[in-house]
């Protein structure tokens, strides 16, 4: 190696002082026609020789260990609906995969049996521990665990018990293992044991499991359900919800009743209350009043018309 370095050094210093006299202006340009010759310093040549020697003795990834060991556990898959890690796989006839929790929510709460991805109806689905097999590869006749009402087949008894447990009336408190016999039993347990309350509107309308419901203190429930704060002598114009708390149910200011959401409140207003047709023609929408013939509507319509005498003449 030393001999090669000396020969390279002598060849480099020939003619007009070599590369050192040019101020080390060496580069890799000009390898084609008309280009200047490429010069290397002794140190560069030595590094190149060492690099060649290292490459000769290096072990390729195919001969040695790879960056990712083969026995390393694969990270659990994530459900594309809820973005949570999948514990049990739900597999439909279309072979699209979701987690078992989302599949239960769709079939048991939303009463929807079609695939969320391709919208194809799924007459049956399978809950399995892995997604290695397709739906058609399972022997459905030999699968002894299932729920006929939900049309779900379970790979093992453990998967069936863990899945159906979600549908029971479990206490919303994470540290409590109580399971009620119904909503009334669960509400009494939450009130008696945890000194908290549950919202009836959320129970009737919200598509979530029993253990996912929020519990409230009495003061918190008054904010969440404004109809509980009935003020004596409060008219329909009293206490508008301009400063309505986030997460509270909208309330009809005439009936003083709460509704689950704005859509339900809008349907109630269209059915039970009237709109001023004069305001509506002027582009003033969603101004409801009580039914025609009452003092409230007569008082509201008065500004639109000149006063009328008892004889019906102005």
Protein backbone atom coordinates (compact mmCIF):
# COMPACT_ATOMS: atom_id res chain seq x y z
CA UNK A 1 0.00 0.00 0.00
CA UNK A 2 2.85 2.40 0.81
CA UNK A 3 4.40 1.84 -2.64
CA UNK A 4 1.11 2.69 -4.33
CA UNK A 5 0.84 5.89 -2.34
CA UNK A 6 4.37 7.01 -3.30
CA UNK A 7 3.79 6.32 -7.00
CA UNK A 8 0.55 8.25 -6.94
CA UNK A 9 2.29 11.19 -5.20
CA UNK A 10 5.05 11.36 -7.80
CA UNK A 11 2.55 11.30 -10.68
CA UNK A 12 0.53 14.05 -9.12
CA UNK A 13 3.49 16.47 -8.61
CA UNK A 14 4.66 16.32 -12.24
CA UNK A 15 4.33 19.36 -14.51
CA UNK A 16 3.86 22.98 -13.40
CA UNK A 17 4.11 22.22 -9.74
CA UNK A 18 1.23 19.71 -9.60
CA UNK A 19 -2.11 20.33 -7.94
CA UNK A 20 -0.49 22.14 -5.01
CA UNK A 21 0.64 25.02 -7.28
CA UNK A 22 -2.93 25.48 -8.59
CA UNK A 23 -4.28 26.24 -5.20
CA UNK A 24 -5.97 22.80 -4.75
CA UNK A 25 -8.61 23.69 -7.34
CA UNK A 26 -9.35 20.06 -8.09
CA UNK A 27 -12.79 18.74 -8.85
CA UNK A 28 -14.57 15.87 -10.54
CA UNK A 29 -15.65 17.89 -13.57
CA UNK A 30 -14.21 17.32 -17.08
CA UNK A 31 -14.24 13.56 -17.24
CA UNK A 32 -15.63 13.91 -20.77
CA UNK A 33 -14.07 15.57 -23.77
CA UNK A 34 -12.07 18.72 -23.17
CA UNK A 35 -12.17 18.32 -19.43
CA UNK A 36 -9.20 18.59 -17.13
CA UNK A 37 -7.66 15.50 -15.65
CA UNK A 38 -8.80 14.45 -12.18
CA UNK A 39 -6.07 14.51 -9.55
CA UNK A 40 -6.10 12.83 -6.17
CA UNK A 41 -4.07 13.63 -3.12
CA UNK A 42 -2.18 10.87 -1.33
CA UNK A 43 -4.67 10.97 1.52
CA UNK A 44 -7.57 10.41 -0.90
CA UNK A 45 -5.83 7.41 -2.45
CA UNK A 46 -5.20 5.89 0.94
CA UNK A 47 -8.82 6.28 1.92
CA UNK A 48 -9.89 4.67 -1.36
CA UNK A 49 -7.64 1.67 -0.73
CA UNK A 50 -8.99 1.26 2.79
CA UNK A 51 -12.55 1.51 1.46
CA UNK A 52 -11.89 -1.22 -1.13
CA UNK A 53 -10.37 -3.44 1.53
CA UNK A 54 -13.38 -2.90 3.82
CA UNK A 55 -15.86 -3.66 1.04
CA UNK A 56 -14.09 -6.95 0.33
CA UNK A 57 -14.53 -8.10 3.93
CA UNK A 58 -18.00 -6.58 4.58
CA UNK A 59 -20.94 -8.92 5.13
CA UNK A 60 -24.00 -8.27 3.02
CA UNK A 61 -27.43 -8.08 4.72
CA UNK A 62 -28.42 -11.32 3.04
CA UNK A 63 -25.49 -13.17 4.69
CA UNK A 64 -25.82 -11.67 8.14
CA UNK A 65 -28.52 -10.23 10.38
CA UNK A 66 -31.08 -7.86 8.93
CA UNK A 67 -32.13 -4.56 10.47
CA UNK A 68 -35.50 -6.00 11.57
CA UNK A 69 -35.21 -9.36 13.35
CA UNK A 70 -37.56 -12.00 12.02
CA UNK A 71 -38.75 -12.93 15.50
CA UNK A 72 -39.74 -9.35 16.37
CA UNK A 73 -43.47 -8.99 17.17
CA UNK A 74 -45.50 -7.01 14.67
CA UNK A 75 -47.31 -3.94 15.93
CA UNK A 76 -51.07 -4.44 16.29
CA UNK A 77 -53.25 -3.23 13.46
CA UNK A 78 -55.35 -0.09 13.81
CA UNK A 79 -59.05 0.09 12.97
CA UNK A 80 -59.68 2.54 10.12
CA UNK A 81 -63.00 3.61 11.68
CA UNK A 82 -62.10 4.43 15.29
CA UNK A 83 -58.29 4.58 14.90
CA UNK A 84 -57.86 2.27 17.91
CA UNK A 85 -55.69 -0.84 18.11
CA UNK A 86 -57.57 -3.95 17.07
CA UNK A 87 -58.00 -6.62 19.71
CA UNK A 88 -60.37 -8.86 17.73
CA UNK A 89 -60.89 -8.62 13.98
CA UNK A 90 -64.33 -8.32 12.42
CA UNK A 91 -64.39 -9.92 8.98
CA UNK A 92 -67.34 -9.66 6.59
CA UNK A 93 -68.24 -11.43 3.38
CA UNK A 94 -66.48 -8.67 1.44
CA UNK A 95 -63.29 -9.34 3.49
CA UNK A 96 -63.02 -5.75 4.71
CA UNK A 97 -61.67 -5.70 8.26
CA UNK A 98 -62.64 -3.53 11.24
CA UNK A 99 -62.35 -3.93 15.00
CA UNK A 100 -65.01 -5.92 16.85
CA UNK A 101 -66.13 -2.85 18.84
CA UNK A 102 -67.06 -0.85 15.72
CA UNK A 103 -68.80 -3.88 14.22
CA UNK A 104 -70.87 -4.31 17.39
CA UNK A 105 -71.73 -0.62 17.44
CA UNK A 106 -72.96 -0.68 13.85
CA UNK A 107 -75.02 -3.86 14.14
CA UNK A 108 -76.38 -3.52 17.69
CA UNK A 109 -76.83 0.25 18.10
CA UNK A 110 -77.20 1.66 14.59
CA UNK A 111 -78.97 -1.44 13.23
CA UNK A 112 -76.83 -1.36 10.09
CA UNK A 113 -75.60 -4.60 8.52
CA UNK A 114 -73.83 -3.21 5.46
CA UNK A 115 -70.07 -2.83 5.20
CA UNK A 116 -68.94 0.66 6.13
CA UNK A 117 -66.25 0.60 3.45
CA UNK A 118 -67.99 -0.83 0.35
CA UNK A 119 -71.66 -0.50 1.49
CA UNK A 120 -72.37 -4.12 0.58
CA UNK A 121 -74.92 -5.92 2.82
CA UNK A 122 -73.29 -8.42 5.16
CA UNK A 123 -75.59 -11.27 6.14
CA UNK A 124 -72.99 -12.54 8.61
CA UNK A 125 -69.63 -11.53 10.03
CA UNK A 126 -66.87 -13.34 11.92
CA UNK A 127 -64.93 -12.18 14.98
CA UNK A 128 -61.44 -13.69 14.95
CA UNK A 129 -58.13 -13.21 16.74
CA UNK A 130 -56.18 -12.69 13.49
CA UNK A 131 -56.85 -11.43 9.98
CA UNK A 132 -54.76 -14.08 8.24
CA UNK A 133 -57.76 -15.91 6.77
CA UNK A 134 -60.52 -14.65 4.51
CA UNK A 135 -64.19 -15.01 5.24
CA UNK A 136 -64.60 -17.84 2.72
CA UNK A 137 -61.75 -19.83 4.30
CA UNK A 138 -63.62 -20.40 7.56
CA UNK A 139 -65.68 -23.55 8.09
CA UNK A 140 -68.91 -21.95 9.24
CA UNK A 141 -70.55 -25.27 10.04
CA UNK A 142 -67.87 -26.09 12.61
CA UNK A 143 -68.03 -22.70 14.36
CA UNK A 144 -70.14 -23.42 17.44
CA UNK A 145 -70.08 -19.94 19.03
CA UNK A 146 -72.35 -17.28 17.62
CA UNK A 147 -75.19 -14.80 18.10
CA UNK A 148 -78.15 -15.41 15.81
CA UNK A 149 -79.76 -12.01 16.46
CA UNK A 150 -76.66 -10.06 15.44
CA UNK A 151 -75.58 -12.64 12.84
CA UNK A 152 -72.08 -12.86 14.28
CA UNK A 153 -69.91 -15.99 14.47
CA UNK A 154 -67.06 -16.14 16.98
CA UNK A 155 -63.82 -18.02 16.49
CA UNK A 156 -63.50 -18.93 20.18
CA UNK A 157 -65.63 -18.81 23.31
CA UNK A 158 -63.34 -16.18 24.83
CA UNK A 159 -63.95 -13.82 21.90
CA UNK A 160 -67.69 -14.34 22.25
CA UNK A 161 -67.73 -13.59 26.00
CA UNK A 162 -65.54 -10.50 25.66
CA UNK A 163 -67.63 -9.16 22.78
CA UNK A 164 -71.08 -9.70 24.28
CA UNK A 165 -69.93 -8.21 27.58
CA UNK A 166 -69.72 -4.81 25.87
CA UNK A 167 -73.48 -4.92 25.18
CA UNK A 168 -74.47 -5.29 28.84
CA UNK A 169 -75.45 -2.49 31.23
CA UNK A 170 -71.96 -1.87 32.60
CA UNK A 171 -71.32 0.93 35.07
CA UNK A 172 -69.69 3.99 33.42
CA UNK A 173 -67.21 4.21 36.30
CA UNK A 174 -64.00 2.48 35.18
CA UNK A 175 -63.24 1.26 38.69
CA UNK A 176 -66.69 -0.34 39.17
CA UNK A 177 -67.61 -3.83 37.93
CA UNK A 178 -71.37 -3.48 38.43
CA UNK A 179 -73.62 -4.80 35.64
CA UNK A 180 -77.27 -3.76 35.82
CA UNK A 181 -80.37 -5.55 34.64
CA UNK A 182 -81.55 -2.51 32.68
CA UNK A 183 -81.34 1.26 32.43
CA UNK A 184 -83.41 1.80 35.58
CA UNK A 185 -81.17 -0.52 37.58
CA UNK A 186 -78.01 1.12 36.23
CA UNK A 187 -79.28 4.66 36.89
CA UNK A 188 -80.17 3.75 40.47
CA UNK A 189 -76.74 2.21 41.03
CA UNK A 190 -74.95 5.30 39.67
CA UNK A 191 -77.05 7.59 41.88
CA UNK A 192 -76.87 5.47 45.03
CA UNK A 193 -73.25 4.32 44.83
CA UNK A 194 -71.43 7.07 42.97
CA UNK A 195 -73.72 10.01 43.86
CA UNK A 196 -74.02 10.97 40.21
CA UNK A 197 -76.80 11.15 37.62
CA UNK A 198 -77.31 10.09 34.02
CA UNK A 199 -79.06 12.04 31.26
CA UNK A 200 -82.28 10.42 29.99
CA UNK A 201 -82.08 12.25 26.66
CA UNK A 202 -78.61 10.85 26.01
CA UNK A 203 -79.76 7.36 27.00
CA UNK A 204 -82.65 7.47 24.52
CA UNK A 205 -80.82 9.05 21.58
CA UNK A 206 -77.06 8.62 21.85
CA UNK A 207 -75.65 5.62 19.97
CA UNK A 208 -73.07 4.56 22.53
CA UNK A 209 -72.67 1.64 24.91
CA UNK A 210 -73.83 1.88 28.52
CA UNK A 211 -70.32 2.16 29.97
CA UNK A 212 -69.51 5.04 27.56
CA UNK A 213 -72.17 7.38 28.95
CA UNK A 214 -71.17 10.44 30.96
CA UNK A 215 -72.35 10.82 34.53
CA UNK A 216 -73.02 14.20 36.14
CA UNK A 217 -73.33 15.78 39.52
CA UNK A 218 -76.72 17.47 40.15
CA UNK A 219 -75.24 20.89 39.37
CA UNK A 220 -73.63 19.62 36.18
CA UNK A 221 -76.84 17.96 35.01
CA UNK A 222 -78.73 21.27 35.41
CA UNK A 223 -76.31 22.81 32.93
CA UNK A 224 -76.38 19.81 30.59
CA UNK A 225 -80.21 19.67 30.74
CA UNK A 226 -81.46 23.29 30.99
CA UNK A 227 -85.11 22.24 31.28
CA UNK A 228 -84.40 21.15 34.86
CA UNK A 229 -83.95 24.83 35.81
CA UNK A 230 -87.59 25.83 35.57
CA UNK A 231 -88.03 29.37 36.85
CA UNK A 232 -91.43 30.34 38.23
CA UNK A 233 -93.02 33.08 36.10
CA UNK A 234 -90.51 32.81 33.27
CA UNK A 235 -92.21 33.55 29.96
CA UNK A 236 -91.21 32.28 26.56
CA UNK A 237 -88.90 35.25 26.01
CA UNK A 238 -87.09 34.85 29.31
CA UNK A 239 -83.62 33.37 29.51
CA UNK A 240 -82.56 32.90 25.89
CA UNK A 241 -79.75 30.44 25.29
CA UNK A 242 -77.24 32.98 24.03
CA UNK A 243 -74.74 31.74 26.59
CA UNK A 244 -75.69 28.08 26.27
CA UNK A 245 -73.11 25.83 27.83
CA UNK A 246 -71.13 23.57 25.52
CA UNK A 247 -72.54 20.06 25.49
CA UNK A 248 -76.00 21.04 26.77
CA UNK A 249 -79.22 20.07 25.02
CA UNK A 250 -81.16 22.82 23.18
CA UNK A 251 -84.40 23.93 24.84
CA UNK A 252 -87.67 25.23 23.45
CA UNK A 253 -88.20 28.62 25.06
CA UNK A 254 -91.99 28.27 24.82
CA UNK A 255 -92.48 24.73 26.13
CA UNK A 256 -89.41 24.77 28.39
CA UNK A 257 -88.56 21.24 27.21
CA UNK A 258 -85.15 20.04 26.06
CA UNK A 259 -84.42 18.08 22.89
CA UNK A 260 -81.45 15.93 22.02
CA UNK A 261 -80.13 18.15 19.23
CA UNK A 262 -80.89 21.08 16.96
CA UNK A 263 -82.59 18.84 14.39
CA UNK A 264 -85.08 17.55 16.94
CA UNK A 265 -85.72 21.07 18.22
CA UNK A 266 -86.30 22.35 14.66
CA UNK A 267 -88.83 19.58 13.96
CA UNK A 268 -90.64 20.43 17.20
CA UNK A 269 -90.79 24.14 16.35
CA UNK A 270 -92.20 23.45 12.89
CA UNK A 271 -94.84 21.11 14.30
CA UNK A 272 -95.91 22.85 17.49
CA UNK A 273 -95.25 26.54 16.82
CA UNK A 274 -95.98 29.05 14.06
CA UNK A 275 -93.84 31.28 11.86
CA UNK A 276 -94.84 34.85 11.09
CA UNK A 277 -95.65 34.75 7.37
CA UNK A 278 -94.88 38.48 7.00
CA UNK A 279 -91.39 38.07 8.50
CA UNK A 280 -90.85 35.00 6.32
CA UNK A 281 -91.62 36.97 3.14
CA UNK A 282 -89.16 39.63 4.24
CA UNK A 283 -86.43 37.01 4.58
CA UNK A 284 -86.56 36.75 8.37
CA UNK A 285 -86.58 32.98 8.89
CA UNK A 286 -86.93 30.68 11.88
CA UNK A 287 -88.91 33.16 13.97
CA UNK A 288 -91.49 30.91 15.62
CA UNK A 289 -94.34 31.90 17.90
CA UNK A 290 -97.10 30.07 19.69
CA UNK A 291 -100.15 28.81 17.83
CA UNK A 292 -102.42 31.21 15.96
CA UNK A 293 -105.27 32.73 17.95
CA UNK A 294 -103.28 33.26 21.13
CA UNK A 295 -102.37 36.60 22.62
CA UNK A 296 -98.69 36.02 21.86
CA UNK A 297 -99.13 35.78 18.08
CA UNK A 298 -101.64 38.65 18.01
CA UNK A 299 -99.16 40.82 19.89
CA UNK A 300 -96.35 39.88 17.50
CA UNK A 301 -98.38 40.60 14.34
CA UNK A 302 -99.55 44.02 15.59
CA UNK A 303 -96.43 45.96 14.41
CA UNK A 304 -97.03 44.72 10.83
CA UNK A 305 -100.57 46.14 10.58
CA UNK A 306 -102.14 49.53 11.37
CA UNK A 307 -104.50 49.55 14.37
CA UNK A 308 -108.02 48.37 13.66
CA UNK A 309 -111.13 49.78 15.37
CA UNK A 310 -113.90 47.65 16.81
CA UNK A 311 -115.91 48.24 13.65
CA UNK A 312 -113.08 46.88 11.54
CA UNK A 313 -112.21 50.26 9.99
CA UNK A 314 -109.02 52.22 10.37
